[in-house]
């Protein structure tokens, strides 16, 4: 009986963990989409459902185009988002939004979700 209880608890923990991970992934995608259309839409077509067109002319690459690049993965996006920003040495660079690590993870998850 003790072994069966232990197996049941282990099974339940595994199921709950997997369910929580799927829930976290969906939440990351939702929040990443929200950040993208709020912060990035001035320059990028960040989402097909964004309400306005980018102000930048010509616009920066769309997030869908970025997602399709063969050299793009989670690490390269994270590196880009955390190191590339506008400054005296790069006056036309991307603005630094000073995203928290969790926000970077969410935007990266959203961009990668656009990969076909």
N, C-alpha and C. Protein backbone atom coordinates (compact mmCIF):
# COMPACT_ATOMS: atom_id res chain seq x y z
N UNK A 1 0.83 -1.20 0.00
CA UNK A 1 0.00 0.00 0.00
C UNK A 1 0.87 1.25 0.00
N UNK A 2 1.93 1.21 0.78
CA UNK A 2 2.84 2.35 0.87
C UNK A 2 3.48 2.64 -0.48
N UNK A 3 3.88 1.60 -1.19
CA UNK A 3 4.49 1.75 -2.51
C UNK A 3 3.50 2.34 -3.50
N UNK A 4 2.27 1.87 -3.43
CA UNK A 4 1.24 2.39 -4.33
C UNK A 4 0.99 3.86 -4.06
N UNK A 5 0.96 4.24 -2.79
CA UNK A 5 0.76 5.65 -2.43
C UNK A 5 1.91 6.50 -2.92
N UNK A 6 3.12 6.00 -2.77
CA UNK A 6 4.30 6.73 -3.22
C UNK A 6 4.27 6.90 -4.74
N UNK A 7 3.91 5.84 -5.45
CA UNK A 7 3.83 5.91 -6.92
C UNK A 7 2.75 6.90 -7.34
N UNK A 8 1.61 6.88 -6.65
CA UNK A 8 0.53 7.81 -6.98
C UNK A 8 0.98 9.25 -6.77
N UNK A 9 1.64 9.53 -5.66
CA UNK A 9 2.11 10.89 -5.37
C UNK A 9 3.13 11.31 -6.43
N UNK A 10 4.06 10.43 -6.78
CA UNK A 10 5.06 10.75 -7.80
C UNK A 10 4.40 11.01 -9.15
N UNK A 11 3.42 10.18 -9.50
CA UNK A 11 2.70 10.37 -10.76
C UNK A 11 1.97 11.71 -10.74
N UNK A 12 1.25 12.00 -9.68
CA UNK A 12 0.48 13.24 -9.57
C UNK A 12 1.40 14.47 -9.66
N UNK A 13 2.57 14.41 -9.01
CA UNK A 13 3.52 15.53 -9.07
C UNK A 13 4.01 15.73 -10.50
N UNK A 14 4.24 14.66 -11.22
CA UNK A 14 4.69 14.74 -12.61
C UNK A 14 3.61 15.37 -13.48
N UNK A 15 2.37 14.91 -13.32
CA UNK A 15 1.26 15.44 -14.11
C UNK A 15 1.06 16.92 -13.80
N UNK A 16 1.07 17.29 -12.53
CA UNK A 16 0.87 18.70 -12.15
C UNK A 16 2.01 19.57 -12.65
N UNK A 17 3.22 19.04 -12.61
CA UNK A 17 4.36 19.80 -13.11
C UNK A 17 4.24 20.05 -14.60
N UNK A 18 3.88 19.03 -15.35
CA UNK A 18 3.72 19.19 -16.80
C UNK A 18 2.58 20.15 -17.11
N UNK A 19 1.50 20.04 -16.38
CA UNK A 19 0.36 20.94 -16.58
C UNK A 19 0.76 22.37 -16.27
N UNK A 20 1.53 22.56 -15.19
CA UNK A 20 2.00 23.89 -14.83
C UNK A 20 2.93 24.47 -15.87
N UNK A 21 3.77 23.63 -16.47
CA UNK A 21 4.68 24.11 -17.50
C UNK A 21 3.92 24.56 -18.72
N UNK A 22 2.88 23.82 -19.13
CA UNK A 22 2.07 24.23 -20.27
C UNK A 22 1.35 25.53 -19.97
N UNK A 23 0.86 25.66 -18.75
CA UNK A 23 0.19 26.89 -18.34
C UNK A 23 1.17 28.05 -18.36
N UNK A 24 2.38 27.83 -17.84
CA UNK A 24 3.40 28.88 -17.85
C UNK A 24 3.76 29.28 -19.27
N UNK A 25 3.86 28.30 -20.16
CA UNK A 25 4.21 28.59 -21.55
C UNK A 25 3.13 29.44 -22.20
N UNK A 26 1.88 29.09 -21.99
CA UNK A 26 0.78 29.87 -22.55
C UNK A 26 0.78 31.29 -21.99
N UNK A 27 1.05 31.41 -20.70
CA UNK A 27 1.10 32.73 -20.07
C UNK A 27 2.29 33.54 -20.60
N UNK A 28 3.44 32.89 -20.78
CA UNK A 28 4.60 33.57 -21.37
C UNK A 28 4.28 34.10 -22.76
N UNK A 29 3.60 33.28 -23.57
CA UNK A 29 3.23 33.71 -24.93
C UNK A 29 2.27 34.89 -24.88
N UNK A 30 1.30 34.83 -24.00
CA UNK A 30 0.31 35.92 -23.89
C UNK A 30 0.98 37.22 -23.44
N UNK A 31 1.83 37.11 -22.41
CA UNK A 31 2.51 38.31 -21.92
C UNK A 31 3.55 38.81 -22.91
N UNK A 32 4.23 37.89 -23.61
CA UNK A 32 5.19 38.29 -24.64
C UNK A 32 4.51 39.03 -25.77
N UNK A 33 3.35 38.55 -26.20
CA UNK A 33 2.57 39.23 -27.23
C UNK A 33 2.18 40.62 -26.76
N UNK A 34 1.72 40.72 -25.53
CA UNK A 34 1.30 42.01 -24.96
C UNK A 34 2.48 42.99 -24.91
N UNK A 35 3.64 42.52 -24.47
CA UNK A 35 4.82 43.39 -24.44
C UNK A 35 5.21 43.82 -25.85
N UNK A 36 5.16 42.87 -26.78
CA UNK A 36 5.56 43.17 -28.16
C UNK A 36 4.70 44.26 -28.77
N UNK A 37 3.39 44.15 -28.62
CA UNK A 37 2.52 45.17 -29.25
C UNK A 37 2.55 46.49 -28.48
N UNK A 38 2.94 46.45 -27.21
CA UNK A 38 3.02 47.67 -26.42
C UNK A 38 4.34 48.40 -26.65
N UNK A 39 5.44 47.65 -26.64
CA UNK A 39 6.76 48.28 -26.69
C UNK A 39 7.42 48.30 -28.06
N UNK A 40 7.13 47.32 -28.88
CA UNK A 40 7.90 47.12 -30.11
C UNK A 40 7.19 47.60 -31.37
N UNK A 41 5.90 47.88 -31.27
CA UNK A 41 5.10 48.19 -32.46
C UNK A 41 5.41 49.55 -33.07
N UNK A 42 6.15 50.39 -32.37
CA UNK A 42 6.56 51.67 -32.98
C UNK A 42 7.48 51.44 -34.18
N UNK A 43 8.26 50.38 -34.10
CA UNK A 43 9.25 50.13 -35.15
C UNK A 43 9.01 48.83 -35.92
N UNK A 44 8.40 47.86 -35.29
CA UNK A 44 8.21 46.53 -35.89
C UNK A 44 6.73 46.23 -36.08
N UNK A 45 6.44 45.39 -37.05
CA UNK A 45 5.14 44.72 -37.06
C UNK A 45 5.34 43.54 -36.12
N UNK A 46 4.95 43.74 -34.88
CA UNK A 46 5.22 42.76 -33.83
C UNK A 46 4.19 41.64 -33.82
N UNK A 47 2.98 41.95 -34.26
CA UNK A 47 1.91 40.95 -34.24
C UNK A 47 0.93 41.26 -35.36
N UNK A 48 0.37 40.23 -35.95
CA UNK A 48 -0.60 40.47 -37.03
C UNK A 48 -1.82 41.25 -36.56
N UNK A 49 -2.13 41.18 -35.28
CA UNK A 49 -3.31 41.86 -34.76
C UNK A 49 -3.01 43.21 -34.10
N UNK A 50 -1.80 43.72 -34.29
CA UNK A 50 -1.51 45.03 -33.67
C UNK A 50 -2.34 46.10 -34.36
N UNK A 51 -2.76 47.07 -33.58
CA UNK A 51 -3.75 48.05 -34.05
C UNK A 51 -3.17 49.16 -34.89
N UNK A 52 -1.89 49.35 -34.87
CA UNK A 52 -1.32 50.45 -35.65
C UNK A 52 -0.10 49.97 -36.43
N UNK A 53 0.22 50.73 -37.44
CA UNK A 53 1.40 50.38 -38.24
C UNK A 53 2.62 51.02 -37.59
N UNK A 54 3.79 50.45 -37.83
CA UNK A 54 5.01 51.01 -37.27
C UNK A 54 5.25 52.44 -37.76
N UNK A 55 5.77 53.28 -36.86
CA UNK A 55 6.11 54.66 -37.21
C UNK A 55 7.41 54.73 -38.00
N UNK A 56 8.31 53.81 -37.75
CA UNK A 56 9.60 53.79 -38.42
C UNK A 56 9.40 53.54 -39.91
N UNK A 57 10.07 54.32 -40.73
CA UNK A 57 9.92 54.19 -42.17
C UNK A 57 11.30 54.10 -42.82
N UNK A 58 11.68 53.01 -43.40
CA UNK A 58 10.95 51.74 -43.47
C UNK A 58 10.94 51.07 -42.10
N UNK A 59 9.93 50.22 -41.85
CA UNK A 59 9.86 49.56 -40.55
C UNK A 59 11.00 48.57 -40.36
N UNK A 60 11.31 48.32 -39.11
CA UNK A 60 12.27 47.27 -38.78
C UNK A 60 11.66 45.93 -39.18
N UNK A 61 12.45 44.88 -39.26
CA UNK A 61 11.89 43.58 -39.65
C UNK A 61 10.73 43.18 -38.74
N UNK A 62 9.73 42.54 -39.33
CA UNK A 62 8.60 42.06 -38.53
C UNK A 62 9.08 40.92 -37.63
N UNK A 63 8.36 40.70 -36.56
CA UNK A 63 8.72 39.60 -35.67
C UNK A 63 8.58 38.26 -36.38
N UNK A 64 7.63 38.15 -37.28
CA UNK A 64 7.47 36.91 -38.05
C UNK A 64 8.71 36.68 -38.92
N UNK A 65 9.23 37.74 -39.55
CA UNK A 65 10.45 37.60 -40.36
C UNK A 65 11.64 37.21 -39.47
N UNK A 66 11.75 37.85 -38.33
CA UNK A 66 12.84 37.52 -37.42
C UNK A 66 12.76 36.05 -36.99
N UNK A 67 11.56 35.60 -36.68
CA UNK A 67 11.38 34.21 -36.23
C UNK A 67 11.80 33.20 -37.28
N UNK A 68 11.69 33.55 -38.56
CA UNK A 68 12.01 32.61 -39.65
C UNK A 68 13.51 32.49 -39.93
N UNK A 69 14.30 33.40 -39.39
CA UNK A 69 15.75 33.35 -39.65
C UNK A 69 16.34 32.08 -39.06
N UNK A 70 17.15 31.41 -39.85
CA UNK A 70 17.74 30.14 -39.42
C UNK A 70 18.69 30.30 -38.24
N UNK A 71 19.32 31.46 -38.12
CA UNK A 71 20.30 31.67 -37.04
C UNK A 71 19.66 32.10 -35.73
N UNK A 72 18.35 32.24 -35.72
CA UNK A 72 17.66 32.71 -34.52
C UNK A 72 17.27 31.54 -33.63
N UNK A 73 17.62 31.65 -32.36
CA UNK A 73 17.14 30.71 -31.34
C UNK A 73 16.94 31.51 -30.06
N UNK A 74 16.51 30.85 -29.01
CA UNK A 74 16.20 31.54 -27.77
C UNK A 74 17.41 32.30 -27.23
N UNK A 75 18.57 31.68 -27.28
CA UNK A 75 19.76 32.33 -26.74
C UNK A 75 20.15 33.57 -27.55
N UNK A 76 20.08 33.49 -28.88
CA UNK A 76 20.47 34.65 -29.69
C UNK A 76 19.48 35.80 -29.49
N UNK A 77 18.19 35.48 -29.37
CA UNK A 77 17.20 36.53 -29.12
C UNK A 77 17.42 37.17 -27.75
N UNK A 78 17.64 36.33 -26.76
CA UNK A 78 17.89 36.86 -25.41
C UNK A 78 19.11 37.77 -25.41
N UNK A 79 20.17 37.32 -26.06
CA UNK A 79 21.38 38.13 -26.14
C UNK A 79 21.10 39.46 -26.84
N UNK A 80 20.39 39.41 -27.95
CA UNK A 80 20.07 40.63 -28.69
C UNK A 80 19.24 41.58 -27.86
N UNK A 81 18.22 41.07 -27.22
CA UNK A 81 17.32 41.93 -26.45
C UNK A 81 17.98 42.54 -25.22
N UNK A 82 18.99 41.89 -24.71
CA UNK A 82 19.64 42.39 -23.50
C UNK A 82 20.92 43.16 -23.76
N UNK A 83 21.41 43.18 -25.00
CA UNK A 83 22.66 43.90 -25.27
C UNK A 83 22.56 44.96 -26.34
N UNK A 84 21.56 44.91 -27.19
CA UNK A 84 21.46 45.86 -28.28
C UNK A 84 20.54 47.00 -27.88
N UNK A 85 21.07 48.21 -27.90
CA UNK A 85 20.25 49.36 -27.59
C UNK A 85 20.90 50.62 -28.13
N UNK A 86 20.12 51.65 -28.13
CA UNK A 86 20.54 52.94 -28.66
C UNK A 86 21.51 53.60 -27.68
N UNK A 87 22.50 54.26 -28.24
CA UNK A 87 23.47 55.00 -27.43
C UNK A 87 24.27 55.93 -28.32
N UNK A 88 25.23 56.61 -27.74
CA UNK A 88 26.06 57.52 -28.52
C UNK A 88 26.81 56.78 -29.62
N UNK A 89 27.20 55.55 -29.35
CA UNK A 89 27.92 54.75 -30.33
C UNK A 89 26.98 54.10 -31.36
N UNK A 90 25.69 54.12 -31.10
CA UNK A 90 24.71 53.50 -32.00
C UNK A 90 23.41 54.30 -31.94
N UNK A 91 23.40 55.53 -32.48
CA UNK A 91 22.24 56.41 -32.33
C UNK A 91 20.97 55.91 -33.03
N UNK A 92 21.09 55.01 -33.98
CA UNK A 92 19.91 54.48 -34.67
C UNK A 92 19.55 53.08 -34.18
N UNK A 93 20.19 52.66 -33.11
CA UNK A 93 19.95 51.32 -32.58
C UNK A 93 18.60 51.22 -31.89
N UNK A 94 18.28 50.00 -31.54
CA UNK A 94 17.02 49.73 -30.87
C UNK A 94 17.04 50.34 -29.47
N UNK A 95 15.94 50.94 -29.04
CA UNK A 95 15.89 51.51 -27.69
C UNK A 95 16.08 50.42 -26.64
N UNK A 96 16.64 50.81 -25.52
CA UNK A 96 16.82 49.90 -24.39
C UNK A 96 15.58 50.01 -23.50
N UNK A 97 14.76 48.98 -23.49
CA UNK A 97 13.56 49.00 -22.67
C UNK A 97 13.82 48.51 -21.26
N UNK A 98 15.04 48.08 -20.97
CA UNK A 98 15.40 47.58 -19.64
C UNK A 98 14.40 46.54 -19.15
N UNK A 99 14.18 45.55 -19.98
CA UNK A 99 13.25 44.49 -19.63
C UNK A 99 13.80 43.61 -18.51
N UNK A 100 12.92 43.18 -17.64
CA UNK A 100 13.28 42.20 -16.62
C UNK A 100 13.55 40.87 -17.31
N UNK A 101 14.30 40.00 -16.66
CA UNK A 101 14.61 38.68 -17.24
C UNK A 101 13.34 37.93 -17.62
N UNK A 102 12.31 38.02 -16.79
CA UNK A 102 11.06 37.32 -17.09
C UNK A 102 10.40 37.90 -18.34
N UNK A 103 10.51 39.21 -18.54
CA UNK A 103 9.93 39.84 -19.73
C UNK A 103 10.70 39.45 -20.98
N UNK A 104 12.02 39.38 -20.88
CA UNK A 104 12.83 38.92 -22.01
C UNK A 104 12.41 37.51 -22.40
N UNK A 105 12.25 36.64 -21.41
CA UNK A 105 11.81 35.26 -21.66
C UNK A 105 10.46 35.24 -22.37
N UNK A 106 9.56 36.11 -21.96
CA UNK A 106 8.23 36.15 -22.55
C UNK A 106 8.27 36.64 -24.01
N UNK A 107 9.04 37.69 -24.27
CA UNK A 107 9.14 38.20 -25.64
C UNK A 107 9.82 37.16 -26.54
N UNK A 108 10.85 36.52 -26.04
CA UNK A 108 11.53 35.46 -26.80
C UNK A 108 10.56 34.33 -27.11
N UNK A 109 9.80 33.90 -26.13
CA UNK A 109 8.82 32.83 -26.35
C UNK A 109 7.80 33.24 -27.41
N UNK A 110 7.36 34.48 -27.35
CA UNK A 110 6.38 34.96 -28.33
C UNK A 110 6.98 34.98 -29.74
N UNK A 111 8.18 35.53 -29.88
CA UNK A 111 8.80 35.60 -31.21
C UNK A 111 8.98 34.18 -31.77
N UNK A 112 9.49 33.27 -30.97
CA UNK A 112 9.72 31.91 -31.45
C UNK A 112 8.41 31.19 -31.77
N UNK A 113 7.33 31.61 -31.15
CA UNK A 113 6.02 30.99 -31.46
C UNK A 113 5.55 31.34 -32.86
N UNK A 114 6.13 32.36 -33.46
CA UNK A 114 5.76 32.79 -34.81
C UNK A 114 6.48 31.99 -35.90
N UNK A 115 7.38 31.14 -35.49
CA UNK A 115 8.15 30.31 -36.44
C UNK A 115 7.23 29.31 -37.10
N UNK A 116 7.36 29.22 -38.43
CA UNK A 116 6.52 28.28 -39.20
C UNK A 116 7.28 27.03 -39.52
